[in-house]
Amino acid sequence: MSIFNKLFGKGNHKGPKHTSFQEGDVFFTEKDGKFWTYKLLRLEEDTNTFHVKAYQETQEVPTPDSLDSLTVNIHHFPVDINGFEHPVLILNQGITDDDLLGYFEYIKQTQNINEIVKYAKGFYQQAHALSTEQDHSGAIQKYSQAIDLLPNFFEAIDNRAFAYMDLGQWAEAIAGFKQSLEVNPNSLLPIFSIGECHLKLKEYPQAKDYFEQAIQIAPNHPKPKEFLDLTLKLMNE
């Protein structure tokens, strides 16, 4: 017997059948005296597809109080919207980032660019809001989630590096800006910012090199010249 036949077989539970599904719904089905619990992660109405995670079966009817003790059996799988026999709603729990880890792996593997961009932009917006609130560590986490989904998202890479700068973590910021240059070579912003980080670290020769590169890219921009002059002054003190 396949796992899906095992999961979706007809049960005898007498609870009211759940039909109006929403993302975040936690529900169960029953088969042969065992109860199978699921959480709806994503509802694709255009393809009639549920994306769910499944928990280990239980001998008792699952309740809101028992959900935290359930073990995840499958972190994500797609199933036809009509694939569950007599589903019974437990509650709508909302969806956390941890809930979606399996779904994120799925959309990356299937190269579902629309979903990837949607969630990456969502994390980017959350990160920007956290930065505005001066929660730079939280912003770094959200930018990292965006980058994990969309590795070429150089705006997120740059902003994460700026968040490291806001925390005074200059080496991490330099690594971040260098990552940005791998995606977007010869970009003025990361080149200048690497120079600024080296300046903060009092690594003047390295700072000088990057400010000179910045001037070559944007000879009419005043900031690289200003910072290069400052660096040369500090080197001669």
C-alpha atoms as a PDB file:
ATOM      1  CA  MET A   1       0.000   0.000   0.000  1.00  0.00           C
ATOM      2  CA  SER A   2       1.403   3.423  -0.969  1.00  0.00           C
ATOM      3  CA  ILE A   3       1.735   6.078   1.686  1.00  0.00           C
ATOM      4  CA  PHE A   4      -0.878   8.172  -0.096  1.00  0.00           C
ATOM      5  CA  ASN A   5      -3.437   5.388  -0.094  1.00  0.00           C
ATOM      6  CA  LYS A   6      -2.616   4.902   3.545  1.00  0.00           C
ATOM      7  CA  LEU A   7      -3.054   8.586   4.299  1.00  0.00           C
ATOM      8  CA  PHE A   8      -6.146   9.328   2.268  1.00  0.00           C
ATOM      9  CA  GLY A   9      -8.208   6.181   2.706  1.00  0.00           C
ATOM     10  CA  LYS A  10     -11.822   6.372   3.782  1.00  0.00           C
ATOM     11  CA  GLY A  11     -12.422   6.743   7.501  1.00  0.00           C
ATOM     12  CA  ASN A  12     -15.377   6.518   9.832  1.00  0.00           C
ATOM     13  CA  HIS A  13     -15.033   9.669  11.938  1.00  0.00           C
ATOM     14  CA  LYS A  14     -18.393  11.366  12.456  1.00  0.00           C
ATOM     15  CA  GLY A  15     -17.177  14.978  12.821  1.00  0.00           C
ATOM     16  CA  PRO A  16     -18.448  17.621  10.380  1.00  0.00           C
ATOM     17  CA  LYS A  17     -16.676  17.483   7.033  1.00  0.00           C
ATOM     18  CA  HIS A  18     -14.442  20.494   6.394  1.00  0.00           C
ATOM     19  CA  THR A  19     -14.962  22.047   2.958  1.00  0.00           C
ATOM     20  CA  SER A  20     -14.026  25.756   3.129  1.00  0.00           C
ATOM     21  CA  PHE A  21     -10.247  25.455   3.266  1.00  0.00           C
ATOM     22  CA  GLN A  22      -7.913  28.334   4.043  1.00  0.00           C
ATOM     23  CA  GLU A  23      -4.134  28.422   4.232  1.00  0.00           C
ATOM     24  CA  GLY A  24      -3.132  27.647   7.815  1.00  0.00           C
ATOM     25  CA  ASP A  25      -5.993  25.205   8.401  1.00  0.00           C
ATOM     26  CA  VAL A  26      -5.041  22.171  10.479  1.00  0.00           C
ATOM     27  CA  PHE A  27      -7.337  19.204   9.891  1.00  0.00           C
ATOM     28  CA  PHE A  28      -7.425  15.451  10.187  1.00  0.00           C
ATOM     29  CA  THR A  29      -8.787  12.365   8.502  1.00  0.00           C
ATOM     30  CA  GLU A  30      -9.437   8.962  10.045  1.00  0.00           C
ATOM     31  CA  LYS A  31      -8.678   5.483   8.738  1.00  0.00           C
ATOM     32  CA  ASP A  32      -8.841   2.154  10.517  1.00  0.00           C
ATOM     33  CA  GLY A  33      -9.027   3.781  13.927  1.00  0.00           C
ATOM     34  CA  LYS A  34      -5.988   6.011  13.332  1.00  0.00           C
ATOM     35  CA  PHE A  35      -5.982   9.768  12.841  1.00  0.00           C
ATOM     36  CA  TRP A  36      -3.853  11.622  10.289  1.00  0.00           C
ATOM     37  CA  THR A  37      -3.269  15.331  10.780  1.00  0.00           C
ATOM     38  CA  TYR A  38      -2.312  17.858   8.090  1.00  0.00           C
ATOM     39  CA  LYS A  39      -1.616  21.548   7.791  1.00  0.00           C
ATOM     40  CA  LEU A  40      -2.518  23.434   4.629  1.00  0.00           C
ATOM     41  CA  LEU A  41       0.491  25.513   3.605  1.00  0.00           C
ATOM     42  CA  ARG A  42      -0.556  26.752   0.200  1.00  0.00           C
ATOM     43  CA  LEU A  43      -3.773  26.566  -1.789  1.00  0.00           C
ATOM     44  CA  GLU A  44      -3.431  26.760  -5.575  1.00  0.00           C
ATOM     45  CA  GLU A  45      -6.972  27.274  -6.755  1.00  0.00           C
ATOM     46  CA  ASP A  46      -6.008  27.496 -10.444  1.00  0.00           C
ATOM     47  CA  THR A  47      -4.554  23.977 -10.354  1.00  0.00           C
ATOM     48  CA  ASN A  48      -6.812  22.571  -7.597  1.00  0.00           C
ATOM     49  CA  THR A  49      -3.752  21.684  -5.561  1.00  0.00           C
ATOM     50  CA  PHE A  50      -3.165  21.638  -1.819  1.00  0.00           C
ATOM     51  CA  HIS A  51       0.376  21.932  -0.502  1.00  0.00           C
ATOM     52  CA  VAL A  52       0.394  20.374   2.955  1.00  0.00           C
ATOM     53  CA  LYS A  53       2.627  18.977   5.620  1.00  0.00           C
ATOM     54  CA  ALA A  54       1.631  15.765   7.354  1.00  0.00           C
ATOM     55  CA  TYR A  55       2.083  14.684  10.951  1.00  0.00           C
ATOM     56  CA  GLN A  56       2.624  11.224  12.369  1.00  0.00           C
ATOM     57  CA  GLU A  57      -0.604   9.307  12.823  1.00  0.00           C
ATOM     58  CA  THR A  58      -2.154   9.101  16.286  1.00  0.00           C
ATOM     59  CA  GLN A  59      -4.478   6.731  18.086  1.00  0.00           C
ATOM     60  CA  GLU A  60      -6.468   9.607  19.586  1.00  0.00           C
ATOM     61  CA  VAL A  61      -8.483  12.324  17.905  1.00  0.00           C
ATOM     62  CA  PRO A  62      -6.125  15.314  17.527  1.00  0.00           C
ATOM     63  CA  THR A  63      -7.140  18.478  19.350  1.00  0.00           C
ATOM     64  CA  PRO A  64      -5.782  22.054  19.469  1.00  0.00           C
ATOM     65  CA  ASP A  65      -4.002  21.191  22.723  1.00  0.00           C
ATOM     66  CA  SER A  66      -2.295  18.131  21.272  1.00  0.00           C
ATOM     67  CA  LEU A  67      -0.888  19.739  18.116  1.00  0.00           C
ATOM     68  CA  ASP A  68       2.390  20.866  19.668  1.00  0.00           C
ATOM     69  CA  SER A  69       3.223  17.292  20.596  1.00  0.00           C
ATOM     70  CA  LEU A  70       2.748  15.906  17.066  1.00  0.00           C
ATOM     71  CA  THR A  71       5.789  14.851  15.052  1.00  0.00           C
ATOM     72  CA  VAL A  72       6.059  15.993  11.448  1.00  0.00           C
ATOM     73  CA  ASN A  73       6.054  13.003   9.114  1.00  0.00           C
ATOM     74  CA  ILE A  74       6.334  14.772   5.722  1.00  0.00           C
ATOM     75  CA  HIS A  75       7.295  18.442   5.570  1.00  0.00           C
ATOM     76  CA  HIS A  76       5.639  19.057   2.218  1.00  0.00           C
ATOM     77  CA  PHE A  77       3.758  17.315  -0.527  1.00  0.00           C
ATOM     78  CA  PRO A  78       1.226  18.444  -3.147  1.00  0.00           C
ATOM     79  CA  VAL A  79      -2.142  16.715  -3.381  1.00  0.00           C
ATOM     80  CA  ASP A  80      -5.344  17.197  -5.336  1.00  0.00           C
ATOM     81  CA  ILE A  81      -7.788  19.519  -3.625  1.00  0.00           C
ATOM     82  CA  ASN A  82     -10.265  16.625  -3.360  1.00  0.00           C
ATOM     83  CA  GLY A  83      -7.666  14.146  -2.136  1.00  0.00           C
ATOM     84  CA  PHE A  84      -8.841  13.895   1.487  1.00  0.00           C
ATOM     85  CA  GLU A  85     -11.712  11.690   2.633  1.00  0.00           C
ATOM     86  CA  HIS A  86     -13.943  13.513   5.111  1.00  0.00           C
ATOM     87  CA  PRO A  87     -11.432  16.063   6.469  1.00  0.00           C
ATOM     88  CA  VAL A  88     -12.316  17.514   9.871  1.00  0.00           C
ATOM     89  CA  LEU A  89     -11.058  20.987  10.852  1.00  0.00           C
ATOM     90  CA  ILE A  90      -9.154  21.342  14.133  1.00  0.00           C
ATOM     91  CA  LEU A  91      -8.315  25.055  13.886  1.00  0.00           C
ATOM     92  CA  ASN A  92      -6.637  27.659  11.721  1.00  0.00           C
ATOM     93  CA  GLN A  93      -3.170  28.078  13.159  1.00  0.00           C
ATOM     94  CA  GLY A  94      -1.556  30.508  10.747  1.00  0.00           C
ATOM     95  CA  ILE A  95       1.647  29.705   8.892  1.00  0.00           C
ATOM     96  CA  THR A  96       5.189  30.235  10.167  1.00  0.00           C
ATOM     97  CA  ASP A  97       8.429  30.408   8.199  1.00  0.00           C
ATOM     98  CA  ASP A  98       9.364  27.012   9.631  1.00  0.00           C
ATOM     99  CA  ASP A  99       6.134  25.543   8.250  1.00  0.00           C
ATOM    100  CA  LEU A 100       7.167  26.582   4.754  1.00  0.00           C
ATOM    101  CA  LEU A 101      10.693  25.150   4.697  1.00  0.00           C
ATOM    102  CA  GLY A 102       9.577  22.041   2.838  1.00  0.00           C
ATOM    103  CA  TYR A 103       7.465  24.082   0.433  1.00  0.00           C
ATOM    104  CA  PHE A 104      10.416  26.385  -0.266  1.00  0.00           C
ATOM    105  CA  GLU A 105      12.579  23.397  -1.186  1.00  0.00           C
ATOM    106  CA  TYR A 106       9.799  22.220  -3.491  1.00  0.00           C
ATOM    107  CA  ILE A 107       9.479  25.521  -5.386  1.00  0.00           C
ATOM    108  CA  LYS A 108      13.267  25.759  -5.728  1.00  0.00           C
ATOM    109  CA  GLN A 109      13.520  22.206  -7.076  1.00  0.00           C
ATOM    110  CA  THR A 110      10.611  22.758  -9.478  1.00  0.00           C
ATOM    111  CA  GLN A 111      11.948  26.214 -10.417  1.00  0.00           C
ATOM    112  CA  ASN A 112       8.596  27.848  -9.780  1.00  0.00           C
ATOM    113  CA  ILE A 113       9.927  31.344 -10.354  1.00  0.00           C
ATOM    114  CA  ASN A 114       6.639  33.119  -9.625  1.00  0.00           C
ATOM    115  CA  GLU A 115       6.413  31.584  -6.156  1.00  0.00           C
ATOM    116  CA  ILE A 116      10.123  32.058  -5.503  1.00  0.00           C
ATOM    117  CA  VAL A 117       9.966  35.757  -6.359  1.00  0.00           C
ATOM    118  CA  LYS A 118       6.753  36.221  -4.374  1.00  0.00           C
ATOM    119  CA  TYR A 119       8.197  34.851  -1.146  1.00  0.00           C
ATOM    120  CA  ALA A 120      11.651  36.395  -1.669  1.00  0.00           C
ATOM    121  CA  LYS A 121      10.099  39.842  -2.086  1.00  0.00           C
ATOM    122  CA  GLY A 122       7.964  39.234   0.980  1.00  0.00           C
ATOM    123  CA  PHE A 123      11.034  38.460   3.103  1.00  0.00           C
ATOM    124  CA  TYR A 124      12.793  41.494   1.625  1.00  0.00           C
ATOM    125  CA  GLN A 125       9.924  43.782   2.641  1.00  0.00           C
ATOM    126  CA  GLN A 126       9.850  42.302   6.143  1.00  0.00           C
ATOM    127  CA  ALA A 127      13.606  42.823   6.427  1.00  0.00           C
ATOM    128  CA  HIS A 128      13.327  46.439   5.322  1.00  0.00           C
ATOM    129  CA  ALA A 129      10.661  47.083   7.949  1.00  0.00           C
ATOM    130  CA  LEU A 130      12.856  45.513  10.633  1.00  0.00           C
ATOM    131  CA  SER A 131      15.789  47.683   9.585  1.00  0.00           C
ATOM    132  CA  THR A 132      13.580  50.758   9.885  1.00  0.00           C
ATOM    133  CA  GLU A 133      12.822  49.643  13.434  1.00  0.00           C
ATOM    134  CA  GLN A 134      16.589  49.263  14.090  1.00  0.00           C
ATOM    135  CA  ASP A 135      16.229  45.495  14.453  1.00  0.00           C
ATOM    136  CA  HIS A 136      19.274  44.773  12.320  1.00  0.00           C
ATOM    137  CA  SER A 137      19.718  41.176  13.490  1.00  0.00           C
ATOM    138  CA  GLY A 138      16.119  40.408  12.578  1.00  0.00           C
ATOM    139  CA  ALA A 139      16.607  42.107   9.227  1.00  0.00           C
ATOM    140  CA  ILE A 140      19.678  39.963   8.522  1.00  0.00           C
ATOM    141  CA  GLN A 141      17.625  36.834   9.129  1.00  0.00           C
ATOM    142  CA  LYS A 142      14.891  37.946   6.738  1.00  0.00           C
ATOM    143  CA  TYR A 143      17.315  39.093   4.053  1.00  0.00           C
ATOM    144  CA  SER A 144      19.024  35.704   4.354  1.00  0.00           C
ATOM    145  CA  GLN A 145      15.712  33.956   3.766  1.00  0.00           C
ATOM    146  CA  ALA A 146      15.143  36.059   0.655  1.00  0.00           C
ATOM    147  CA  ILE A 147      18.640  35.270  -0.631  1.00  0.00           C
ATOM    148  CA  ASP A 148      18.232  31.557   0.066  1.00  0.00           C
ATOM    149  CA  LEU A 149      15.211  31.559  -2.240  1.00  0.00           C
ATOM    150  CA  LEU A 150      16.697  33.904  -4.840  1.00  0.00           C
ATOM    151  CA  PRO A 151      20.516  33.765  -4.728  1.00  0.00           C
ATOM    152  CA  ASN A 152      20.901  36.517  -7.366  1.00  0.00           C
ATOM    153  CA  PHE A 153      18.811  38.991  -5.349  1.00  0.00           C
ATOM    154  CA  PHE A 154      21.678  41.481  -5.083  1.00  0.00           C
ATOM    155  CA  GLU A 155      19.528  44.204  -3.473  1.00  0.00           C
ATOM    156  CA  ALA A 156      18.887  41.848  -0.564  1.00  0.00           C
ATOM    157  CA  ILE A 157      22.567  40.886  -0.456  1.00  0.00           C
ATOM    158  CA  ASP A 158      23.592  44.553  -0.311  1.00  0.00           C
ATOM    159  CA  ASN A 159      21.026  45.422   2.335  1.00  0.00           C
ATOM    160  CA  ARG A 160      22.048  42.467   4.485  1.00  0.00           C
ATOM    161  CA  ALA A 161      25.636  43.707   4.295  1.00  0.00           C
ATOM    162  CA  PHE A 162      24.472  47.179   5.349  1.00  0.00           C
ATOM    163  CA  ALA A 163      22.712  45.589   8.320  1.00  0.00           C
ATOM    164  CA  TYR A 164      26.029  43.997   9.296  1.00  0.00           C
ATOM    165  CA  MET A 165      27.604  47.457   9.035  1.00  0.00           C
ATOM    166  CA  ASP A 166      24.899  48.857  11.307  1.00  0.00           C
ATOM    167  CA  LEU A 167      25.937  46.232  13.858  1.00  0.00           C
ATOM    168  CA  GLY A 168      29.631  47.083  13.445  1.00  0.00           C
ATOM    169  CA  GLN A 169      30.333  43.633  11.995  1.00  0.00           C
ATOM    170  CA  TRP A 170      32.708  44.885   9.348  1.00  0.00           C
ATOM    171  CA  ALA A 171      34.203  41.560   8.233  1.00  0.00           C
ATOM    172  CA  GLU A 172      30.732  40.078   7.689  1.00  0.00           C
ATOM    173  CA  ALA A 173      29.716  43.180   5.771  1.00  0.00           C
ATOM    174  CA  ILE A 174      32.790  42.915   3.513  1.00  0.00           C
ATOM    175  CA  ALA A 175      31.968  39.269   2.776  1.00  0.00           C
ATOM    176  CA  GLY A 176      28.414  40.271   1.943  1.00  0.00           C
ATOM    177  CA  PHE A 177      29.416  43.025  -0.459  1.00  0.00           C
ATOM    178  CA  LYS A 178      31.876  40.680  -2.165  1.00  0.00           C
ATOM    179  CA  GLN A 179      29.003  38.222  -2.608  1.00  0.00           C
ATOM    180  CA  SER A 180      27.027  41.043  -4.197  1.00  0.00           C
ATOM    181  CA  LEU A 181      29.856  41.686  -6.652  1.00  0.00           C
ATOM    182  CA  GLU A 182      29.761  38.043  -7.709  1.00  0.00           C
ATOM    183  CA  VAL A 183      26.155  38.603  -8.756  1.00  0.00           C
ATOM    184  CA  ASN A 184      26.441  42.197  -9.969  1.00  0.00           C
ATOM    185  CA  PRO A 185      30.084  42.882 -10.944  1.00  0.00           C
ATOM    186  CA  ASN A 186      31.549  46.403 -10.987  1.00  0.00           C
ATOM    187  CA  SER A 187      28.669  47.840  -8.989  1.00  0.00           C
ATOM    188  CA  LEU A 188      29.620  51.109  -7.322  1.00  0.00           C
ATOM    189  CA  LEU A 189      27.663  50.570  -4.114  1.00  0.00           C
ATOM    190  CA  PRO A 190      29.368  47.379  -2.839  1.00  0.00           C
ATOM    191  CA  ILE A 191      32.816  48.482  -4.020  1.00  0.00           C
ATOM    192  CA  PHE A 192      32.562  51.797  -2.182  1.00  0.00           C
ATOM    193  CA  SER A 193      31.058  50.095   0.870  1.00  0.00           C
ATOM    194  CA  ILE A 194      33.892  47.557   1.083  1.00  0.00           C
ATOM    195  CA  GLY A 195      36.270  50.494   1.147  1.00  0.00           C
ATOM    196  CA  GLU A 196      34.247  52.080   3.927  1.00  0.00           C
ATOM    197  CA  CYS A 197      34.391  48.854   5.967  1.00  0.00           C
ATOM    198  CA  HIS A 198      38.170  48.646   5.572  1.00  0.00           C
ATOM    199  CA  LEU A 199      38.378  52.284   6.633  1.00  0.00           C
ATOM    200  CA  LYS A 200      36.398  51.479   9.791  1.00  0.00           C
ATOM    201  CA  LEU A 201      38.834  48.630  10.445  1.00  0.00           C
ATOM    202  CA  LYS A 202      41.767  51.050   9.927  1.00  0.00           C
ATOM    203  CA  GLU A 203      42.929  48.883   7.048  1.00  0.00           C
ATOM    204  CA  TYR A 204      43.900  51.901   5.029  1.00  0.00           C
ATOM    205  CA  PRO A 205      45.720  50.317   2.050  1.00  0.00           C
ATOM    206  CA  GLN A 206      42.714  48.097   1.332  1.00  0.00           C
ATOM    207  CA  ALA A 207      40.333  51.027   1.777  1.00  0.00           C
ATOM    208  CA  LYS A 208      42.434  53.105  -0.633  1.00  0.00           C
ATOM    209  CA  ASP A 209      42.271  50.367  -3.267  1.00  0.00           C
ATOM    210  CA  TYR A 210      38.481  50.122  -3.170  1.00  0.00           C
ATOM    211  CA  PHE A 211      37.918  53.881  -3.157  1.00  0.00           C
ATOM    212  CA  GLU A 212      40.157  54.137  -6.224  1.00  0.00           C
ATOM    213  CA  GLN A 213      38.074  51.414  -7.911  1.00  0.00           C
ATOM    214  CA  ALA A 214      34.938  53.360  -7.036  1.00  0.00           C
ATOM    215  CA  ILE A 215      36.364  56.509  -8.624  1.00  0.00           C
ATOM    216  CA  GLN A 216      37.127  54.595 -11.814  1.00  0.00           C
ATOM    217  CA  ILE A 217      33.501  53.443 -11.978  1.00  0.00           C
ATOM    218  CA  ALA A 218      31.969  56.824 -11.097  1.00  0.00           C
ATOM    219  CA  PRO A 219      34.569  59.561 -11.606  1.00  0.00           C
ATOM    220  CA  ASN A 220      32.053  62.362 -11.044  1.00  0.00           C
ATOM    221  CA  HIS A 221      30.630  60.986  -7.802  1.00  0.00           C
ATOM    222  CA  PRO A 222      31.899  63.080  -4.860  1.00  0.00           C
ATOM    223  CA  LYS A 223      31.852  60.415  -2.118  1.00  0.00           C
ATOM    224  CA  PRO A 224      34.642  58.105  -3.362  1.00  0.00           C
ATOM    225  CA  LYS A 225      36.953  61.096  -3.763  1.00  0.00           C
ATOM    226  CA  GLU A 226      36.025  62.416  -0.323  1.00  0.00           C
ATOM    227  CA  PHE A 227      36.708  59.063   1.332  1.00  0.00           C
ATOM    228  CA  LEU A 228      39.896  58.507  -0.635  1.00  0.00           C
ATOM    229  CA  ASP A 229      41.210  61.884   0.546  1.00  0.00           C
ATOM    230  CA  LEU A 230      40.331  60.968   4.127  1.00  0.00           C
ATOM    231  CA  THR A 231      42.068  57.609   3.796  1.00  0.00           C
ATOM    232  CA  LEU A 232      45.237  59.177   2.370  1.00  0.00           C
ATOM    233  CA  LYS A 233      45.258  61.708   5.190  1.00  0.00           C
ATOM    234  CA  LEU A 234      44.974  58.950   7.811  1.00  0.00           C
ATOM    235  CA  MET A 235      47.729  56.943   6.114  1.00  0.00           C
ATOM    236  CA  ASN A 236      50.096  59.917   6.360  1.00  0.00           C
ATOM    237  CA  GLU A 237      49.437  60.663  10.022  1.00  0.00           C
END
